[in-house]
Amino acid sequence: MIRSIFAAICMVLFATNLQAAGIADLKAANAAAEMRQGDEAIALYTQALAADDLSTEDQLTARKGRGREYSAKALIADAFNRHDDGRRLRDNAIADFSAALSLKADDGSVLLERGQDYHMNRQFDLAIADFSAALKLNNSASTLLQRAASQRAKGAYEEAIADCTAALAIDNRDAGLEIWDIYNERGYTEFMAARYDAAAADFGKAFALGAESQAGDVLWVPYQLAWLHIAHARAGQNDAEELGRLSGKISDKQWPGTLIAFFLGQIRLEDVSAASSHGTMGRARECNLSLFTGEDALGKGNNEQARQLLLRAREVCNTHTLQYLVAGTELDRMKK
């Protein structure tokens, strides 16, 4: 009898210790995540879930936390061109977010995060489904733009433009989302749909709305004008006078101001950008240079030069960027 009582007490203590261990691991995992110690956080979340006695709320926290860490590691893998690793890590994140949704189906934040990972894995229909479900919970302008990006990536331009237009109609926009952001997003989609006049109109609106607040940003104004110029060029319009007027305060001695100087015929293509030793930053510069000058060449009818520049853009642009997507769409059209 005494032995039975002692065994029962031991079992209770063992179970209590397991539960305490699970909660302790979860707290430690959250702390590691805050310290951006991704590998440590993933290991601790895994231990916490293995305890198998977390409350439903704690399981939800652990699944969401581990999913976010997998997503972050996937982005790092992509940055170093380890795309197979990036996809595998996002698959892990998607599995965790799916498990979280099985615990709480109406968690809008998890739907958005899973949708983003589906998008990055080029599973656009699944991404659109998640963004649509999130929109039923909260009709957010930023979520409309995320769904529009997935629709644009799969070539559903009409639907993407409609989402951007709907986002413009929402007065209470999400924090950090400016109205000129929305005009730009619709402009990118119109550009990819070969509606160059409409794209130019939206890029022009974005510039007019954002120029004052972004005047101190040495990148925003030149890149905004670059998109406006190539939309005009593809529409067959000579915008030299307007471009010269709008770029008056841009330095034409350093990138990306030199890009505008090239568009105005003030410098040669080979003088637009000096080689950069800044790794990813340098590749981003070459990515933009290749895309914008390729589009400018298309506007001038220099198709072979354009093809070479767009091929280079596909080589150097991050596969998740708009520039990579646009270059691929143009190259596909050139084959037809």
C-alpha atoms as a PDB file:
ATOM      1  CA  MET A   1       0.000   0.000   0.000  1.00  0.00           C
ATOM      2  CA  ILE A   2       2.732   2.423   0.992  1.00  0.00           C
ATOM      3  CA  ARG A   3       4.632   1.570  -2.214  1.00  0.00           C
ATOM      4  CA  SER A   4       1.536   2.285  -4.327  1.00  0.00           C
ATOM      5  CA  ILE A   5       1.020   5.657  -2.663  1.00  0.00           C
ATOM      6  CA  PHE A   6       4.709   6.511  -3.146  1.00  0.00           C
ATOM      7  CA  ALA A   7       4.543   5.525  -6.849  1.00  0.00           C
ATOM      8  CA  ALA A   8       1.473   7.677  -7.348  1.00  0.00           C
ATOM      9  CA  ILE A   9       3.186  10.639  -5.712  1.00  0.00           C
ATOM     10  CA  CYS A  10       6.239  10.152  -7.950  1.00  0.00           C
ATOM     11  CA  MET A  11       4.042  10.090 -11.066  1.00  0.00           C
ATOM     12  CA  VAL A  12       2.339  13.333 -10.043  1.00  0.00           C
ATOM     13  CA  LEU A  13       5.689  14.988  -9.360  1.00  0.00           C
ATOM     14  CA  PHE A  14       7.054  13.738 -12.703  1.00  0.00           C
ATOM     15  CA  ALA A  15       4.063  15.128 -14.596  1.00  0.00           C
ATOM     16  CA  THR A  16       4.335  18.422 -12.698  1.00  0.00           C
ATOM     17  CA  ASN A  17       8.017  18.676 -13.580  1.00  0.00           C
ATOM     18  CA  LEU A  18       7.241  17.982 -17.253  1.00  0.00           C
ATOM     19  CA  GLN A  19       4.631  20.734 -17.256  1.00  0.00           C
ATOM     20  CA  ALA A  20       6.984  23.135 -15.525  1.00  0.00           C
ATOM     21  CA  ALA A  21       9.697  22.221 -18.018  1.00  0.00           C
ATOM     22  CA  GLY A  22       7.384  22.881 -20.969  1.00  0.00           C
ATOM     23  CA  ILE A  23       6.367  26.303 -19.684  1.00  0.00           C
ATOM     24  CA  ALA A  24       9.978  27.145 -18.784  1.00  0.00           C
ATOM     25  CA  ASP A  25      11.124  26.175 -22.286  1.00  0.00           C
ATOM     26  CA  LEU A  26       8.385  28.326 -23.823  1.00  0.00           C
ATOM     27  CA  LYS A  27       9.421  31.344 -21.757  1.00  0.00           C
ATOM     28  CA  ALA A  28      13.055  30.781 -22.668  1.00  0.00           C
ATOM     29  CA  ALA A  29      12.122  30.413 -26.341  1.00  0.00           C
ATOM     30  CA  ASN A  30      10.258  33.716 -26.307  1.00  0.00           C
ATOM     31  CA  ALA A  31      13.252  35.389 -24.681  1.00  0.00           C
ATOM     32  CA  ALA A  32      15.616  33.905 -27.277  1.00  0.00           C
ATOM     33  CA  ALA A  33      13.343  35.116 -30.065  1.00  0.00           C
ATOM     34  CA  GLU A  34      13.394  38.642 -28.653  1.00  0.00           C
ATOM     35  CA  MET A  35      17.203  38.457 -28.596  1.00  0.00           C
ATOM     36  CA  ARG A  36      17.117  37.302 -32.255  1.00  0.00           C
ATOM     37  CA  GLN A  37      18.742  33.992 -31.369  1.00  0.00           C
ATOM     38  CA  GLY A  38      16.797  32.078 -33.989  1.00  0.00           C
ATOM     39  CA  ASP A  39      18.360  28.622 -33.717  1.00  0.00           C
ATOM     40  CA  GLU A  40      18.134  28.648 -29.922  1.00  0.00           C
ATOM     41  CA  ALA A  41      14.518  29.820 -30.061  1.00  0.00           C
ATOM     42  CA  ILE A  42      13.539  27.055 -32.503  1.00  0.00           C
ATOM     43  CA  ALA A  43      15.176  24.402 -30.320  1.00  0.00           C
ATOM     44  CA  LEU A  44      13.405  25.672 -27.205  1.00  0.00           C
ATOM     45  CA  TYR A  45      10.003  25.954 -28.917  1.00  0.00           C
ATOM     46  CA  THR A  46      10.471  22.368 -30.107  1.00  0.00           C
ATOM     47  CA  GLN A  47      11.261  21.194 -26.567  1.00  0.00           C
ATOM     48  CA  ALA A  48       8.256  23.061 -25.208  1.00  0.00           C
ATOM     49  CA  LEU A  49       5.926  21.445 -27.734  1.00  0.00           C
ATOM     50  CA  ALA A  50       7.434  18.011 -27.072  1.00  0.00           C
ATOM     51  CA  ALA A  51       6.384  18.288 -23.419  1.00  0.00           C
ATOM     52  CA  ASP A  52       2.881  17.680 -24.793  1.00  0.00           C
ATOM     53  CA  ASP A  53       1.134  19.314 -21.862  1.00  0.00           C
ATOM     54  CA  LEU A  54       1.115  22.977 -22.790  1.00  0.00           C
ATOM     55  CA  SER A  55      -2.254  24.675 -22.629  1.00  0.00           C
ATOM     56  CA  THR A  56      -3.977  25.420 -25.937  1.00  0.00           C
ATOM     57  CA  GLU A  57      -2.990  29.067 -25.625  1.00  0.00           C
ATOM     58  CA  ASP A  58       0.658  28.140 -24.941  1.00  0.00           C
ATOM     59  CA  GLN A  59       0.679  25.697 -27.859  1.00  0.00           C
ATOM     60  CA  LEU A  60      -0.607  28.514 -30.085  1.00  0.00           C
ATOM     61  CA  THR A  61       2.159  30.808 -28.849  1.00  0.00           C
ATOM     62  CA  ALA A  62       4.825  28.155 -29.449  1.00  0.00           C
ATOM     63  CA  ARG A  63       3.585  27.330 -32.962  1.00  0.00           C
ATOM     64  CA  LYS A  64       3.420  30.995 -33.949  1.00  0.00           C
ATOM     65  CA  GLY A  65       6.807  31.720 -32.421  1.00  0.00           C
ATOM     66  CA  ARG A  66       8.580  28.807 -34.087  1.00  0.00           C
ATOM     67  CA  GLY A  67       6.874  29.548 -37.405  1.00  0.00           C
ATOM     68  CA  ARG A  68       8.142  33.121 -37.327  1.00  0.00           C
ATOM     69  CA  GLU A  69      11.675  31.971 -36.600  1.00  0.00           C
ATOM     70  CA  TYR A  70      11.575  29.544 -39.536  1.00  0.00           C
ATOM     71  CA  SER A  71      10.296  32.364 -41.770  1.00  0.00           C
ATOM     72  CA  ALA A  72      13.115  34.669 -40.679  1.00  0.00           C
ATOM     73  CA  LYS A  73      15.741  31.988 -41.330  1.00  0.00           C
ATOM     74  CA  ALA A  74      14.226  31.404 -44.787  1.00  0.00           C
ATOM     75  CA  LEU A  75      14.788  35.046 -45.706  1.00  0.00           C
ATOM     76  CA  ILE A  76      18.439  34.774 -44.680  1.00  0.00           C
ATOM     77  CA  ALA A  77      18.825  31.635 -46.788  1.00  0.00           C
ATOM     78  CA  ASP A  78      17.312  33.429 -49.776  1.00  0.00           C
ATOM     79  CA  ALA A  79      19.666  36.376 -49.318  1.00  0.00           C
ATOM     80  CA  PHE A  80      22.578  33.976 -49.781  1.00  0.00           C
ATOM     81  CA  ASN A  81      20.924  32.258 -52.770  1.00  0.00           C
ATOM     82  CA  ARG A  82      20.229  29.070 -50.800  1.00  0.00           C
ATOM     83  CA  HIS A  83      16.755  28.873 -52.264  1.00  0.00           C
ATOM     84  CA  ASP A  84      16.164  25.179 -51.543  1.00  0.00           C
ATOM     85  CA  ASP A  85      16.923  25.829 -47.871  1.00  0.00           C
ATOM     86  CA  GLY A  86      14.661  28.867 -47.940  1.00  0.00           C
ATOM     87  CA  ARG A  87      11.747  26.874 -49.301  1.00  0.00           C
ATOM     88  CA  ARG A  88      12.297  24.033 -46.813  1.00  0.00           C
ATOM     89  CA  LEU A  89      12.342  26.481 -43.909  1.00  0.00           C
ATOM     90  CA  ARG A  90       9.165  28.165 -45.150  1.00  0.00           C
ATOM     91  CA  ASP A  91       7.525  24.743 -45.448  1.00  0.00           C
ATOM     92  CA  ASN A  92       8.345  24.262 -41.760  1.00  0.00           C
ATOM     93  CA  ALA A  93       6.868  27.675 -40.980  1.00  0.00           C
ATOM     94  CA  ILE A  94       3.718  26.877 -42.971  1.00  0.00           C
ATOM     95  CA  ALA A  95       3.325  23.624 -41.030  1.00  0.00           C
ATOM     96  CA  ASP A  96       3.535  25.504 -37.734  1.00  0.00           C
ATOM     97  CA  PHE A  97       1.116  28.212 -38.854  1.00  0.00           C
ATOM     98  CA  SER A  98      -1.305  25.530 -40.080  1.00  0.00           C
ATOM     99  CA  ALA A  99      -1.103  23.821 -36.692  1.00  0.00           C
ATOM    100  CA  ALA A 100      -1.746  27.176 -35.020  1.00  0.00           C
ATOM    101  CA  LEU A 101      -4.822  27.713 -37.198  1.00  0.00           C
ATOM    102  CA  SER A 102      -6.113  24.276 -36.210  1.00  0.00           C
ATOM    103  CA  LEU A 103      -6.098  25.621 -32.650  1.00  0.00           C
ATOM    104  CA  LYS A 104      -7.563  29.022 -33.529  1.00  0.00           C
ATOM    105  CA  ALA A 105      -9.038  29.210 -37.008  1.00  0.00           C
ATOM    106  CA  ASP A 106      -9.864  32.928 -36.868  1.00  0.00           C
ATOM    107  CA  ASP A 107      -6.368  34.176 -36.000  1.00  0.00           C
ATOM    108  CA  GLY A 108      -5.900  36.869 -38.633  1.00  0.00           C
ATOM    109  CA  SER A 109      -2.221  37.423 -37.917  1.00  0.00           C
ATOM    110  CA  VAL A 110      -1.431  33.740 -38.553  1.00  0.00           C
ATOM    111  CA  LEU A 111      -3.420  33.755 -41.793  1.00  0.00           C
ATOM    112  CA  LEU A 112      -1.350  36.723 -42.949  1.00  0.00           C
ATOM    113  CA  GLU A 113       1.951  35.120 -41.965  1.00  0.00           C
ATOM    114  CA  ARG A 114       1.104  31.830 -43.641  1.00  0.00           C
ATOM    115  CA  GLY A 115      -0.081  33.726 -46.707  1.00  0.00           C
ATOM    116  CA  GLN A 116       3.219  35.570 -46.881  1.00  0.00           C
ATOM    117  CA  ASP A 117       5.158  32.311 -46.739  1.00  0.00           C
ATOM    118  CA  TYR A 118       2.957  30.769 -49.414  1.00  0.00           C
ATOM    119  CA  HIS A 119       3.648  33.826 -51.553  1.00  0.00           C
ATOM    120  CA  MET A 120       7.408  33.552 -51.034  1.00  0.00           C
ATOM    121  CA  ASN A 121       7.185  29.871 -52.019  1.00  0.00           C
ATOM    122  CA  ARG A 122       5.340  30.950 -55.195  1.00  0.00           C
ATOM    123  CA  GLN A 123       2.192  29.140 -54.075  1.00  0.00           C
ATOM    124  CA  PHE A 124       0.123  32.129 -55.088  1.00  0.00           C
ATOM    125  CA  ASP A 125      -3.351  30.569 -55.048  1.00  0.00           C
ATOM    126  CA  LEU A 126      -2.843  29.389 -51.464  1.00  0.00           C
ATOM    127  CA  ALA A 127      -1.511  32.828 -50.515  1.00  0.00           C
ATOM    128  CA  ILE A 128      -4.554  34.513 -52.062  1.00  0.00           C
ATOM    129  CA  ALA A 129      -6.856  32.159 -50.133  1.00  0.00           C
ATOM    130  CA  ASP A 130      -5.195  33.096 -46.825  1.00  0.00           C
ATOM    131  CA  PHE A 131      -5.255  36.820 -47.561  1.00  0.00           C
ATOM    132  CA  SER A 132      -8.925  36.527 -48.559  1.00  0.00           C
ATOM    133  CA  ALA A 133      -9.722  34.768 -45.273  1.00  0.00           C
ATOM    134  CA  ALA A 134      -7.848  37.481 -43.355  1.00  0.00           C
ATOM    135  CA  LEU A 135      -9.792  40.186 -45.204  1.00  0.00           C
ATOM    136  CA  LYS A 136     -13.072  38.656 -44.011  1.00  0.00           C
ATOM    137  CA  LEU A 137     -11.845  39.233 -40.467  1.00  0.00           C
ATOM    138  CA  ASN A 138     -10.432  42.709 -41.115  1.00  0.00           C
ATOM    139  CA  ASN A 139     -10.816  44.671 -44.348  1.00  0.00           C
ATOM    140  CA  SER A 140      -7.314  46.145 -44.232  1.00  0.00           C
ATOM    141  CA  ALA A 141      -5.641  48.172 -46.993  1.00  0.00           C
ATOM    142  CA  SER A 142      -2.282  46.483 -46.390  1.00  0.00           C
ATOM    143  CA  THR A 143      -3.869  43.028 -46.664  1.00  0.00           C
ATOM    144  CA  LEU A 144      -5.542  44.066 -49.919  1.00  0.00           C
ATOM    145  CA  LEU A 145      -2.101  45.063 -51.216  1.00  0.00           C
ATOM    146  CA  GLN A 146      -0.612  41.736 -50.144  1.00  0.00           C
ATOM    147  CA  ARG A 147      -3.349  39.886 -52.001  1.00  0.00           C
ATOM    148  CA  ALA A 148      -2.795  42.171 -54.982  1.00  0.00           C
ATOM    149  CA  ALA A 149       0.914  41.284 -54.990  1.00  0.00           C
ATOM    150  CA  SER A 150       0.093  37.559 -55.155  1.00  0.00           C
ATOM    151  CA  GLN A 151      -2.443  38.143 -57.902  1.00  0.00           C
ATOM    152  CA  ARG A 152       0.079  40.250 -59.822  1.00  0.00           C
ATOM    153  CA  ALA A 153       2.745  37.578 -59.481  1.00  0.00           C
ATOM    154  CA  LYS A 154       0.434  34.941 -61.008  1.00  0.00           C
ATOM    155  CA  GLY A 155      -0.618  37.298 -63.819  1.00  0.00           C
ATOM    156  CA  ALA A 156      -4.126  38.067 -62.517  1.00  0.00           C
ATOM    157  CA  TYR A 157      -3.731  41.759 -63.266  1.00  0.00           C
ATOM    158  CA  GLU A 158      -7.423  42.733 -63.297  1.00  0.00           C
ATOM    159  CA  GLU A 159      -7.936  41.326 -59.804  1.00  0.00           C
ATOM    160  CA  ALA A 160      -4.738  42.942 -58.521  1.00  0.00           C
ATOM    161  CA  ILE A 161      -5.712  46.357 -59.875  1.00  0.00           C
ATOM    162  CA  ALA A 162      -9.167  45.989 -58.305  1.00  0.00           C
ATOM    163  CA  ASP A 163      -7.593  45.245 -54.900  1.00  0.00           C
ATOM    164  CA  CYS A 164      -5.331  48.292 -55.152  1.00  0.00           C
ATOM    165  CA  THR A 165      -8.306  50.456 -56.103  1.00  0.00           C
ATOM    166  CA  ALA A 166     -10.242  49.074 -53.126  1.00  0.00           C
ATOM    167  CA  ALA A 167      -7.278  49.890 -50.860  1.00  0.00           C
ATOM    168  CA  LEU A 168      -7.352  53.496 -52.108  1.00  0.00           C
ATOM    169  CA  ALA A 169     -10.990  53.743 -51.002  1.00  0.00           C
ATOM    170  CA  ILE A 170     -10.191  52.860 -47.371  1.00  0.00           C
ATOM    171  CA  ASP A 171      -9.779  56.059 -45.380  1.00  0.00           C
ATOM    172  CA  ASN A 172      -8.457  54.418 -42.217  1.00  0.00           C
ATOM    173  CA  ARG A 173      -5.171  53.047 -43.598  1.00  0.00           C
ATOM    174  CA  ASP A 174      -2.795  50.866 -41.595  1.00  0.00           C
ATOM    175  CA  ALA A 175       0.035  52.577 -39.725  1.00  0.00           C
ATOM    176  CA  GLY A 176       3.033  53.149 -41.980  1.00  0.00           C
ATOM    177  CA  LEU A 177       1.045  52.741 -45.206  1.00  0.00           C
ATOM    178  CA  GLU A 178       0.923  55.969 -47.207  1.00  0.00           C
ATOM    179  CA  ILE A 179      -1.516  56.676 -50.015  1.00  0.00           C
ATOM    180  CA  TRP A 180       1.364  57.071 -52.455  1.00  0.00           C
ATOM    181  CA  ASP A 181       2.392  53.484 -51.616  1.00  0.00           C
ATOM    182  CA  ILE A 182      -0.972  52.309 -52.906  1.00  0.00           C
ATOM    183  CA  TYR A 183      -0.741  54.343 -56.112  1.00  0.00           C
ATOM    184  CA  ASN A 184       2.694  52.832 -56.712  1.00  0.00           C
ATOM    185  CA  GLU A 185       1.423  49.290 -56.181  1.00  0.00           C
ATOM    186  CA  ARG A 186      -1.375  49.838 -58.675  1.00  0.00           C
ATOM    187  CA  GLY A 187       1.111  51.443 -61.048  1.00  0.00           C
ATOM    188  CA  TYR A 188       3.434  48.419 -60.903  1.00  0.00           C
ATOM    189  CA  THR A 189       0.514  46.149 -61.769  1.00  0.00           C
ATOM    190  CA  GLU A 190      -0.636  48.369 -64.630  1.00  0.00           C
ATOM    191  CA  PHE A 191       2.930  48.457 -65.932  1.00  0.00           C
ATOM    192  CA  MET A 192       3.131  44.656 -65.923  1.00  0.00           C
ATOM    193  CA  ALA A 193      -0.242  44.509 -67.664  1.00  0.00           C
ATOM    194  CA  ALA A 194       1.271  46.768 -70.398  1.00  0.00           C
ATOM    195  CA  ARG A 195      -1.101  49.606 -69.484  1.00  0.00           C
ATOM    196  CA  TYR A 196       1.687  52.140 -69.595  1.00  0.00           C
ATOM    197  CA  ASP A 197      -0.409  55.319 -69.716  1.00  0.00           C
ATOM    198  CA  ALA A 198      -2.334  54.238 -66.608  1.00  0.00           C
ATOM    199  CA  ALA A 199       0.911  53.245 -64.879  1.00  0.00           C
ATOM    200  CA  ALA A 200       2.460  56.636 -65.660  1.00  0.00           C
ATOM    201  CA  ALA A 201      -0.624  58.385 -64.255  1.00  0.00           C
ATOM    202  CA  ASP A 202      -0.380  56.433 -60.989  1.00  0.00           C
ATOM    203  CA  PHE A 203       3.387  56.908 -60.661  1.00  0.00           C
ATOM    204  CA  GLY A 204       2.839  60.621 -61.262  1.00  0.00           C
ATOM    205  CA  LYS A 205       0.192  60.756 -58.505  1.00  0.00           C
ATOM    206  CA  ALA A 206       2.498  58.889 -56.139  1.00  0.00           C
ATOM    207  CA  PHE A 207       5.303  61.354 -56.851  1.00  0.00           C
ATOM    208  CA  ALA A 208       3.064  64.381 -56.333  1.00  0.00           C
ATOM    209  CA  LEU A 209       1.744  62.988 -53.021  1.00  0.00           C
ATOM    210  CA  GLY A 210       5.062  61.773 -51.623  1.00  0.00           C
ATOM    211  CA  ALA A 211       7.699  64.154 -52.981  1.00  0.00           C
ATOM    212  CA  GLU A 212       7.545  66.626 -50.093  1.00  0.00           C
ATOM    213  CA  SER A 213       7.695  64.074 -47.277  1.00  0.00           C
ATOM    214  CA  GLN A 214      10.371  62.022 -49.076  1.00  0.00           C
ATOM    215  CA  ALA A 215      12.495  64.966 -50.212  1.00  0.00           C
ATOM    216  CA  GLY A 216      15.322  63.998 -47.859  1.00  0.00           C
ATOM    217  CA  ASP A 217      15.431  60.403 -49.096  1.00  0.00           C
ATOM    218  CA  VAL A 218      18.245  60.198 -51.659  1.00  0.00           C
ATOM    219  CA  LEU A 219      16.763  56.987 -53.107  1.00  0.00           C
ATOM    220  CA  TRP A 220      13.005  57.575 -53.162  1.00  0.00           C
ATOM    221  CA  VAL A 221      12.812  60.504 -55.571  1.00  0.00           C
ATOM    222  CA  PRO A 222      15.204  59.106 -58.238  1.00  0.00           C
ATOM    223  CA  TYR A 223      13.611  55.639 -58.179  1.00  0.00           C
ATOM    224  CA  GLN A 224      10.117  57.145 -58.293  1.00  0.00           C
ATOM    225  CA  LEU A 225      11.107  59.219 -61.312  1.00  0.00           C
ATOM    226  CA  ALA A 226      12.727  56.166 -62.904  1.00  0.00           C
ATOM    227  CA  TRP A 227       9.430  54.253 -62.760  1.00  0.00           C
ATOM    228  CA  LEU A 228       7.583  57.296 -64.102  1.00  0.00           C
ATOM    229  CA  HIS A 229      10.091  57.638 -66.954  1.00  0.00           C
ATOM    230  CA  ILE A 230      10.007  54.012 -68.088  1.00  0.00           C
ATOM    231  CA  ALA A 231       6.191  54.037 -68.035  1.00  0.00           C
ATOM    232  CA  HIS A 232       6.289  57.106 -70.294  1.00  0.00           C
ATOM    233  CA  ALA A 233       8.965  55.487 -72.482  1.00  0.00           C
ATOM    234  CA  ARG A 234       6.959  52.279 -72.917  1.00  0.00           C
ATOM    235  CA  ALA A 235       3.900  54.379 -73.744  1.00  0.00           C
ATOM    236  CA  GLY A 236       5.920  56.030 -76.531  1.00  0.00           C
ATOM    237  CA  GLN A 237       6.063  59.425 -74.833  1.00  0.00           C
ATOM    238  CA  ASN A 238       9.046  61.787 -74.685  1.00  0.00           C
ATOM    239  CA  ASP A 239       9.121  63.020 -71.094  1.00  0.00           C
ATOM    240  CA  ALA A 240      12.492  64.802 -71.199  1.00  0.00           C
ATOM    241  CA  GLU A 241      11.061  68.210 -70.294  1.00  0.00           C
ATOM    242  CA  GLU A 242       8.998  66.886 -67.362  1.00  0.00           C
ATOM    243  CA  LEU A 243      11.811  64.634 -66.140  1.00  0.00           C
ATOM    244  CA  GLY A 244      14.294  67.507 -66.229  1.00  0.00           C
ATOM    245  CA  ARG A 245      11.920  69.729 -64.260  1.00  0.00           C
ATOM    246  CA  LEU A 246      11.068  67.140 -61.596  1.00  0.00           C
ATOM    247  CA  SER A 247      14.686  66.035 -61.116  1.00  0.00           C
ATOM    248  CA  GLY A 248      16.055  69.516 -60.565  1.00  0.00           C
ATOM    249  CA  LYS A 249      17.187  68.909 -56.972  1.00  0.00           C
ATOM    250  CA  ILE A 250      18.642  65.432 -57.557  1.00  0.00           C
ATOM    251  CA  SER A 251      22.421  65.043 -57.572  1.00  0.00           C
ATOM    252  CA  ASP A 252      23.502  63.824 -60.992  1.00  0.00           C
ATOM    253  CA  LYS A 253      26.929  62.866 -59.662  1.00  0.00           C
ATOM    254  CA  GLN A 254      25.971  59.837 -57.604  1.00  0.00           C
ATOM    255  CA  TRP A 255      23.695  56.833 -57.894  1.00  0.00           C
ATOM    256  CA  PRO A 256      20.751  56.738 -58.407  1.00  0.00           C
ATOM    257  CA  GLY A 257      20.707  60.346 -59.593  1.00  0.00           C
ATOM    258  CA  THR A 258      23.065  59.288 -62.372  1.00  0.00           C
ATOM    259  CA  LEU A 259      20.296  57.030 -63.682  1.00  0.00           C
ATOM    260  CA  ILE A 260      18.109  60.079 -64.283  1.00  0.00           C
ATOM    261  CA  ALA A 261      21.060  61.846 -65.937  1.00  0.00           C
ATOM    262  CA  PHE A 262      21.341  58.879 -68.324  1.00  0.00           C
ATOM    263  CA  PHE A 263      17.640  59.062 -69.164  1.00  0.00           C
ATOM    264  CA  LEU A 264      18.138  62.750 -69.986  1.00  0.00           C
ATOM    265  CA  GLY A 265      21.046  61.912 -72.295  1.00  0.00           C
ATOM    266  CA  GLN A 266      23.607  63.669 -70.103  1.00  0.00           C
ATOM    267  CA  ILE A 267      25.905  60.673 -69.514  1.00  0.00           C
ATOM    268  CA  ARG A 268      26.665  57.308 -71.139  1.00  0.00           C
ATOM    269  CA  LEU A 269      25.284  54.009 -69.866  1.00  0.00           C
ATOM    270  CA  GLU A 270      28.738  52.817 -68.790  1.00  0.00           C
ATOM    271  CA  ASP A 271      29.092  55.907 -66.582  1.00  0.00           C
ATOM    272  CA  VAL A 272      25.814  55.514 -64.720  1.00  0.00           C
ATOM    273  CA  SER A 273      27.079  53.369 -61.854  1.00  0.00           C
ATOM    274  CA  ALA A 274      30.526  52.557 -60.542  1.00  0.00           C
ATOM    275  CA  ALA A 275      31.191  49.025 -59.317  1.00  0.00           C
ATOM    276  CA  SER A 276      30.161  48.466 -55.708  1.00  0.00           C
ATOM    277  CA  SER A 277      31.924  46.296 -53.135  1.00  0.00           C
ATOM    278  CA  HIS A 278      28.937  46.312 -50.772  1.00  0.00           C
ATOM    279  CA  GLY A 279      27.715  42.800 -51.523  1.00  0.00           C
ATOM    280  CA  THR A 280      23.927  42.657 -51.420  1.00  0.00           C
ATOM    281  CA  MET A 281      23.695  46.445 -51.720  1.00  0.00           C
ATOM    282  CA  GLY A 282      25.817  46.334 -54.853  1.00  0.00           C
ATOM    283  CA  ARG A 283      23.644  43.613 -56.374  1.00  0.00           C
ATOM    284  CA  ALA A 284      20.518  45.652 -55.607  1.00  0.00           C
ATOM    285  CA  ARG A 285      22.045  48.595 -57.456  1.00  0.00           C
ATOM    286  CA  GLU A 286      22.911  46.457 -60.471  1.00  0.00           C
ATOM    287  CA  CYS A 287      19.451  44.915 -60.339  1.00  0.00           C
ATOM    288  CA  ASN A 288      17.761  48.307 -60.610  1.00  0.00           C
ATOM    289  CA  LEU A 289      20.230  49.556 -63.194  1.00  0.00           C
ATOM    290  CA  SER A 290      19.669  46.517 -65.410  1.00  0.00           C
ATOM    291  CA  LEU A 291      15.882  46.651 -65.152  1.00  0.00           C
ATOM    292  CA  PHE A 292      15.434  50.385 -65.679  1.00  0.00           C
ATOM    293  CA  THR A 293      17.904  50.686 -68.543  1.00  0.00           C
ATOM    294  CA  GLY A 294      16.458  47.539 -70.100  1.00  0.00           C
ATOM    295  CA  GLU A 295      12.983  49.057 -70.016  1.00  0.00           C
ATOM    296  CA  ASP A 296      14.364  52.331 -71.405  1.00  0.00           C
ATOM    297  CA  ALA A 297      15.947  50.365 -74.267  1.00  0.00           C
ATOM    298  CA  LEU A 298      12.624  48.653 -74.980  1.00  0.00           C
ATOM    299  CA  GLY A 299      10.965  52.056 -75.135  1.00  0.00           C
ATOM    300  CA  LYS A 300      13.525  53.119 -77.735  1.00  0.00           C
ATOM    301  CA  GLY A 301      13.067  49.931 -79.755  1.00  0.00           C
ATOM    302  CA  ASN A 302      16.549  48.574 -78.926  1.00  0.00           C
ATOM    303  CA  ASN A 303      15.253  45.068 -78.321  1.00  0.00           C
ATOM    304  CA  GLU A 304      18.544  43.144 -78.272  1.00  0.00           C
ATOM    305  CA  GLN A 305      20.156  45.566 -75.837  1.00  0.00           C
ATOM    306  CA  ALA A 306      17.010  45.367 -73.735  1.00  0.00           C
ATOM    307  CA  ARG A 307      17.082  41.570 -73.748  1.00  0.00           C
ATOM    308  CA  GLN A 308      20.677  41.474 -72.497  1.00  0.00           C
ATOM    309  CA  LEU A 309      19.958  43.980 -69.733  1.00  0.00           C
ATOM    310  CA  LEU A 310      16.809  42.159 -68.623  1.00  0.00           C
ATOM    311  CA  LEU A 311      18.650  38.837 -68.595  1.00  0.00           C
ATOM    312  CA  ARG A 312      21.212  40.448 -66.318  1.00  0.00           C
ATOM    313  CA  ALA A 313      18.412  41.670 -64.058  1.00  0.00           C
ATOM    314  CA  ARG A 314      17.183  38.087 -63.706  1.00  0.00           C
ATOM    315  CA  GLU A 315      20.699  37.041 -62.710  1.00  0.00           C
ATOM    316  CA  VAL A 316      21.342  39.662 -60.047  1.00  0.00           C
ATOM    317  CA  CYS A 317      17.907  40.582 -58.651  1.00  0.00           C
ATOM    318  CA  ASN A 318      16.627  38.796 -55.575  1.00  0.00           C
ATOM    319  CA  THR A 319      14.024  36.301 -56.752  1.00  0.00           C
ATOM    320  CA  HIS A 320      11.391  37.797 -54.431  1.00  0.00           C
ATOM    321  CA  THR A 321      11.665  41.343 -55.790  1.00  0.00           C
ATOM    322  CA  LEU A 322       9.331  43.191 -58.108  1.00  0.00           C
ATOM    323  CA  GLN A 323      12.295  43.867 -60.403  1.00  0.00           C
ATOM    324  CA  TYR A 324      12.931  40.139 -60.869  1.00  0.00           C
ATOM    325  CA  LEU A 325       9.261  39.586 -61.638  1.00  0.00           C
ATOM    326  CA  VAL A 326       9.032  42.460 -64.135  1.00  0.00           C
ATOM    327  CA  ALA A 327      12.196  41.371 -65.959  1.00  0.00           C
ATOM    328  CA  GLY A 328      10.861  37.833 -66.304  1.00  0.00           C
ATOM    329  CA  THR A 329       7.522  39.043 -67.645  1.00  0.00           C
ATOM    330  CA  GLU A 330       9.261  41.216 -70.249  1.00  0.00           C
ATOM    331  CA  LEU A 331      11.537  38.398 -71.381  1.00  0.00           C
ATOM    332  CA  ASP A 332       8.543  36.076 -71.755  1.00  0.00           C
ATOM    333  CA  ARG A 333       6.803  38.652 -73.932  1.00  0.00           C
ATOM    334  CA  MET A 334       9.873  39.068 -76.074  1.00  0.00           C
ATOM    335  CA  LYS A 335       9.810  35.347 -76.895  1.00  0.00           C
ATOM    336  CA  LYS A 336       6.329  35.592 -78.402  1.00  0.00           C
END
